[in-house]
């Protein structure tokens, strides 16, 4: 599945860029929001999911040996880079369609 967050911010950025121009202050603000959201989707959330999976494995091993009691933590799955790129492209074309057709 493509990233819905990436698609949403790409649509927002495209609409603002088309209507206000790419040299406007609002577009620069939306571009910053876009970059932070993309970085979060592809980097931070994915790294958190990988770390949680490893910690759950270590905790399960320690619990099986009777060393500690362990309650598994939630594993949040991030997006792959391909899902983020497809979400961005989808959002760009949807934003462009709304601007042209409106």
N, C-alpha and C. Protein backbone atom coordinates (compact mmCIF):
# COMPACT_ATOMS: atom_id res chain seq x y z
N UNK A 1 0.83 -1.18 0.00
CA UNK A 1 0.00 0.00 0.00
C UNK A 1 0.87 1.24 0.00
N UNK A 2 0.51 2.22 -0.77
CA UNK A 2 1.27 3.48 -0.70
C UNK A 2 1.00 4.20 0.62
N UNK A 3 1.91 5.05 0.98
CA UNK A 3 1.80 5.80 2.22
C UNK A 3 0.75 6.90 2.08
N UNK A 4 -0.29 6.84 2.89
CA UNK A 4 -1.35 7.85 2.82
C UNK A 4 -0.85 9.19 3.37
N UNK A 5 0.05 9.16 4.36
CA UNK A 5 0.61 10.42 4.88
C UNK A 5 1.42 11.13 3.80
N UNK A 6 2.21 10.37 3.07
CA UNK A 6 3.01 10.96 1.99
C UNK A 6 2.10 11.54 0.90
N UNK A 7 1.05 10.81 0.56
CA UNK A 7 0.12 11.29 -0.46
C UNK A 7 -0.57 12.58 -0.01
N UNK A 8 -0.97 12.63 1.25
CA UNK A 8 -1.66 13.82 1.77
C UNK A 8 -0.76 15.06 1.73
N UNK A 9 0.47 14.93 2.23
CA UNK A 9 1.34 16.11 2.25
C UNK A 9 1.80 16.48 0.85
N UNK A 10 1.94 15.50 -0.05
CA UNK A 10 2.29 15.82 -1.43
C UNK A 10 1.16 16.57 -2.12
N UNK A 11 -0.08 16.17 -1.85
CA UNK A 11 -1.23 16.89 -2.41
C UNK A 11 -1.30 18.31 -1.88
N UNK A 12 -1.10 18.46 -0.58
CA UNK A 12 -1.11 19.79 0.04
C UNK A 12 -0.03 20.68 -0.56
N UNK A 13 1.17 20.16 -0.67
CA UNK A 13 2.29 20.93 -1.20
C UNK A 13 2.06 21.30 -2.68
N UNK A 14 1.53 20.36 -3.44
CA UNK A 14 1.24 20.62 -4.85
C UNK A 14 0.19 21.70 -5.01
N UNK A 15 -0.89 21.63 -4.25
CA UNK A 15 -1.96 22.64 -4.32
C UNK A 15 -1.44 24.02 -3.95
N UNK A 16 -0.68 24.10 -2.87
CA UNK A 16 -0.15 25.40 -2.45
C UNK A 16 0.83 25.93 -3.47
N UNK A 17 1.69 25.07 -4.00
CA UNK A 17 2.64 25.51 -5.02
C UNK A 17 1.96 25.99 -6.29
N UNK A 18 0.89 25.32 -6.68
CA UNK A 18 0.17 25.70 -7.89
C UNK A 18 -0.59 27.01 -7.71
N UNK A 19 -1.25 27.17 -6.58
CA UNK A 19 -2.10 28.34 -6.35
C UNK A 19 -1.32 29.57 -5.88
N UNK A 20 -0.33 29.37 -5.01
CA UNK A 20 0.41 30.52 -4.45
C UNK A 20 1.76 30.75 -5.12
N UNK A 21 2.24 29.76 -5.86
CA UNK A 21 3.55 29.87 -6.49
C UNK A 21 4.63 29.24 -5.61
N UNK A 22 5.65 28.76 -6.28
CA UNK A 22 6.70 28.06 -5.54
C UNK A 22 7.64 29.01 -4.81
N UNK A 23 7.51 30.28 -5.02
CA UNK A 23 8.35 31.25 -4.31
C UNK A 23 7.61 31.88 -3.12
N UNK A 24 6.41 31.41 -2.82
CA UNK A 24 5.66 31.99 -1.70
C UNK A 24 6.12 31.40 -0.37
N UNK A 25 5.87 32.17 0.69
CA UNK A 25 6.24 31.72 2.03
C UNK A 25 5.45 30.49 2.45
N UNK A 26 4.20 30.44 2.08
CA UNK A 26 3.34 29.32 2.47
C UNK A 26 3.82 28.03 1.80
N UNK A 27 4.29 28.13 0.56
CA UNK A 27 4.80 26.93 -0.11
C UNK A 27 6.06 26.42 0.57
N UNK A 28 6.96 27.31 0.97
CA UNK A 28 8.18 26.90 1.67
C UNK A 28 7.81 26.20 2.98
N UNK A 29 6.83 26.73 3.70
CA UNK A 29 6.36 26.10 4.93
C UNK A 29 5.79 24.71 4.65
N UNK A 30 4.97 24.59 3.59
CA UNK A 30 4.39 23.28 3.26
C UNK A 30 5.46 22.31 2.77
N UNK A 31 6.49 22.80 2.11
CA UNK A 31 7.59 21.95 1.68
C UNK A 31 8.36 21.40 2.88
N UNK A 32 8.57 22.24 3.88
CA UNK A 32 9.21 21.78 5.11
C UNK A 32 8.38 20.72 5.81
N UNK A 33 7.07 20.93 5.86
CA UNK A 33 6.15 19.96 6.45
C UNK A 33 6.20 18.65 5.67
N UNK A 34 6.26 18.76 4.35
CA UNK A 34 6.36 17.59 3.47
C UNK A 34 7.63 16.79 3.77
N UNK A 35 8.76 17.48 3.87
CA UNK A 35 10.04 16.80 4.10
C UNK A 35 10.09 16.13 5.47
N UNK A 36 9.56 16.79 6.49
CA UNK A 36 9.53 16.19 7.83
C UNK A 36 8.64 14.95 7.84
N UNK A 37 7.50 15.01 7.18
CA UNK A 37 6.59 13.88 7.14
C UNK A 37 7.20 12.70 6.39
N UNK A 38 7.86 12.98 5.28
CA UNK A 38 8.50 11.92 4.50
C UNK A 38 9.61 11.27 5.30
N UNK A 39 10.42 12.09 5.96
CA UNK A 39 11.52 11.56 6.79
C UNK A 39 10.97 10.68 7.91
N UNK A 40 9.87 11.08 8.51
CA UNK A 40 9.26 10.29 9.57
C UNK A 40 8.72 8.97 9.02
N UNK A 41 8.08 9.02 7.87
CA UNK A 41 7.45 7.82 7.31
C UNK A 41 8.49 6.77 6.91
N UNK A 42 9.58 7.21 6.32
CA UNK A 42 10.54 6.24 5.78
C UNK A 42 11.66 5.92 6.76
N UNK A 43 11.95 6.81 7.68
CA UNK A 43 13.10 6.60 8.54
C UNK A 43 12.75 6.25 9.97
N UNK A 44 12.16 7.19 10.66
CA UNK A 44 11.97 7.06 12.10
C UNK A 44 11.00 5.94 12.45
N UNK A 45 9.84 5.90 11.82
CA UNK A 45 8.84 4.87 12.15
C UNK A 45 9.33 3.49 11.78
N UNK A 46 10.02 3.37 10.67
CA UNK A 46 10.55 2.07 10.25
C UNK A 46 11.62 1.59 11.23
N UNK A 47 12.51 2.50 11.64
CA UNK A 47 13.56 2.14 12.60
C UNK A 47 12.95 1.73 13.94
N UNK A 48 11.90 2.40 14.37
CA UNK A 48 11.22 2.04 15.62
C UNK A 48 10.64 0.63 15.54
N UNK A 49 10.06 0.28 14.42
CA UNK A 49 9.49 -1.05 14.24
C UNK A 49 10.55 -2.14 14.28
N UNK A 50 11.68 -1.89 13.63
CA UNK A 50 12.78 -2.86 13.63
C UNK A 50 13.33 -3.02 15.04
N UNK A 51 13.51 -1.91 15.74
CA UNK A 51 14.04 -1.96 17.10
C UNK A 51 13.07 -2.70 18.03
N UNK A 52 11.78 -2.47 17.90
CA UNK A 52 10.79 -3.14 18.74
C UNK A 52 10.80 -4.64 18.49
N UNK A 53 10.94 -5.06 17.22
CA UNK A 53 10.99 -6.48 16.89
C UNK A 53 12.20 -7.16 17.55
N UNK A 54 13.35 -6.49 17.51
CA UNK A 54 14.56 -7.04 18.12
C UNK A 54 14.42 -7.11 19.64
N UNK A 55 13.87 -6.05 20.25
CA UNK A 55 13.68 -6.05 21.70
C UNK A 55 12.70 -7.13 22.13
N UNK A 56 11.65 -7.36 21.35
CA UNK A 56 10.71 -8.43 21.67
C UNK A 56 11.38 -9.80 21.59
N UNK A 57 12.27 -9.98 20.62
CA UNK A 57 12.99 -11.24 20.52
C UNK A 57 13.91 -11.47 21.71
N UNK A 58 14.62 -10.44 22.13
CA UNK A 58 15.51 -10.54 23.30
C UNK A 58 14.68 -10.81 24.55
N UNK A 59 13.59 -10.08 24.73
CA UNK A 59 12.73 -10.26 25.90
C UNK A 59 12.13 -11.64 25.95
N UNK A 60 11.72 -12.18 24.80
CA UNK A 60 11.14 -13.52 24.75
C UNK A 60 12.19 -14.57 25.15
N UNK A 61 13.40 -14.40 24.65
CA UNK A 61 14.49 -15.32 25.00
C UNK A 61 14.77 -15.29 26.50
N UNK A 62 14.83 -14.09 27.07
CA UNK A 62 15.09 -13.96 28.51
C UNK A 62 13.94 -14.52 29.33
N UNK A 63 12.72 -14.34 28.87
CA UNK A 63 11.55 -14.87 29.58
C UNK A 63 11.52 -16.39 29.54
N UNK A 64 11.92 -16.98 28.39
CA UNK A 64 11.95 -18.45 28.28
C UNK A 64 12.98 -19.06 29.23
N UNK A 65 14.08 -18.33 29.46
CA UNK A 65 15.13 -18.82 30.37
C UNK A 65 14.80 -18.53 31.83
N UNK A 66 13.72 -17.81 32.08
CA UNK A 66 13.29 -17.50 33.43
C UNK A 66 14.08 -16.39 34.10
N UNK A 67 14.75 -15.59 33.32
CA UNK A 67 15.57 -14.52 33.88
C UNK A 67 14.71 -13.32 34.26
N UNK A 68 13.79 -12.95 33.39
CA UNK A 68 12.91 -11.80 33.64
C UNK A 68 11.50 -12.12 33.16
N UNK A 69 10.54 -11.39 33.71
CA UNK A 69 9.19 -11.43 33.15
C UNK A 69 9.14 -10.40 32.04
N UNK A 70 8.50 -10.75 30.94
CA UNK A 70 8.52 -9.85 29.79
C UNK A 70 7.13 -9.73 29.19
N UNK A 71 6.73 -8.49 28.94
CA UNK A 71 5.50 -8.20 28.23
C UNK A 71 5.91 -7.58 26.90
N UNK A 72 5.52 -8.18 25.76
CA UNK A 72 5.96 -7.65 24.46
C UNK A 72 5.49 -6.21 24.24
N UNK A 73 6.34 -5.44 23.57
CA UNK A 73 5.98 -4.07 23.22
C UNK A 73 5.38 -4.05 21.82
N UNK A 74 4.66 -3.00 21.52
CA UNK A 74 3.98 -2.86 20.24
C UNK A 74 5.00 -2.63 19.13
N UNK A 75 4.86 -3.38 18.05
CA UNK A 75 5.74 -3.23 16.90
C UNK A 75 5.02 -2.41 15.83
N UNK A 76 5.43 -1.16 15.66
CA UNK A 76 4.84 -0.28 14.66
C UNK A 76 5.63 -0.44 13.37
N UNK A 77 4.93 -0.77 12.31
CA UNK A 77 5.61 -0.95 11.03
C UNK A 77 5.65 0.37 10.27
N UNK A 78 6.81 0.77 9.84
CA UNK A 78 6.94 1.97 9.01
C UNK A 78 6.73 1.61 7.55
N UNK A 79 6.94 2.56 6.69
CA UNK A 79 6.79 2.32 5.26
C UNK A 79 8.14 2.06 4.62
N UNK A 80 8.12 1.27 3.56
CA UNK A 80 9.33 1.08 2.77
C UNK A 80 9.50 2.32 1.89
N UNK A 81 10.72 2.57 1.42
CA UNK A 81 10.91 3.73 0.54
C UNK A 81 10.04 3.70 -0.72
N UNK A 82 9.78 2.52 -1.26
CA UNK A 82 8.94 2.41 -2.46
C UNK A 82 7.51 2.87 -2.15
N UNK A 83 6.98 2.48 -1.00
CA UNK A 83 5.63 2.88 -0.61
C UNK A 83 5.54 4.40 -0.44
N UNK A 84 6.58 5.00 0.09
CA UNK A 84 6.60 6.46 0.28
C UNK A 84 6.67 7.17 -1.07
N UNK A 85 7.51 6.68 -1.97
CA UNK A 85 7.63 7.31 -3.30
C UNK A 85 6.32 7.19 -4.06
N UNK A 86 5.68 6.03 -4.02
CA UNK A 86 4.40 5.86 -4.71
C UNK A 86 3.34 6.77 -4.09
N UNK A 87 3.34 6.90 -2.77
CA UNK A 87 2.40 7.81 -2.11
C UNK A 87 2.64 9.26 -2.53
N UNK A 88 3.91 9.65 -2.65
CA UNK A 88 4.22 11.02 -3.09
C UNK A 88 3.76 11.27 -4.53
N UNK A 89 4.01 10.31 -5.41
CA UNK A 89 3.58 10.46 -6.80
C UNK A 89 2.06 10.51 -6.90
N UNK A 90 1.41 9.64 -6.17
CA UNK A 90 -0.06 9.64 -6.17
C UNK A 90 -0.60 10.97 -5.66
N UNK A 91 -0.03 11.47 -4.57
CA UNK A 91 -0.46 12.76 -4.02
C UNK A 91 -0.19 13.91 -4.97
N UNK A 92 0.96 13.88 -5.64
CA UNK A 92 1.27 14.94 -6.61
C UNK A 92 0.25 14.98 -7.73
N UNK A 93 -0.06 13.82 -8.30
CA UNK A 93 -1.00 13.79 -9.42
C UNK A 93 -2.43 14.11 -8.99
N UNK A 94 -2.81 13.71 -7.80
CA UNK A 94 -4.14 14.07 -7.29
C UNK A 94 -4.22 15.58 -7.06
N UNK A 95 -3.17 16.15 -6.46
CA UNK A 95 -3.14 17.60 -6.23
C UNK A 95 -3.16 18.38 -7.53
N UNK A 96 -2.42 17.90 -8.50
CA UNK A 96 -2.39 18.55 -9.81
C UNK A 96 -3.76 18.48 -10.49
N UNK A 97 -4.41 17.32 -10.37
CA UNK A 97 -5.75 17.15 -10.97
C UNK A 97 -6.75 18.09 -10.33
N UNK A 98 -6.69 18.24 -9.01
CA UNK A 98 -7.62 19.16 -8.33
C UNK A 98 -7.38 20.60 -8.76
N UNK A 99 -6.12 20.98 -8.95
CA UNK A 99 -5.82 22.35 -9.35
C UNK A 99 -6.26 22.63 -10.79
N UNK A 100 -6.01 21.70 -11.67
CA UNK A 100 -6.33 21.89 -13.09
C UNK A 100 -7.83 21.82 -13.33
N UNK A 101 -8.50 20.90 -12.66
CA UNK A 101 -9.93 20.70 -12.89
C UNK A 101 -10.81 21.68 -12.14
N UNK A 102 -10.25 22.39 -11.19
CA UNK A 102 -11.07 23.31 -10.40
C UNK A 102 -11.13 24.66 -11.02
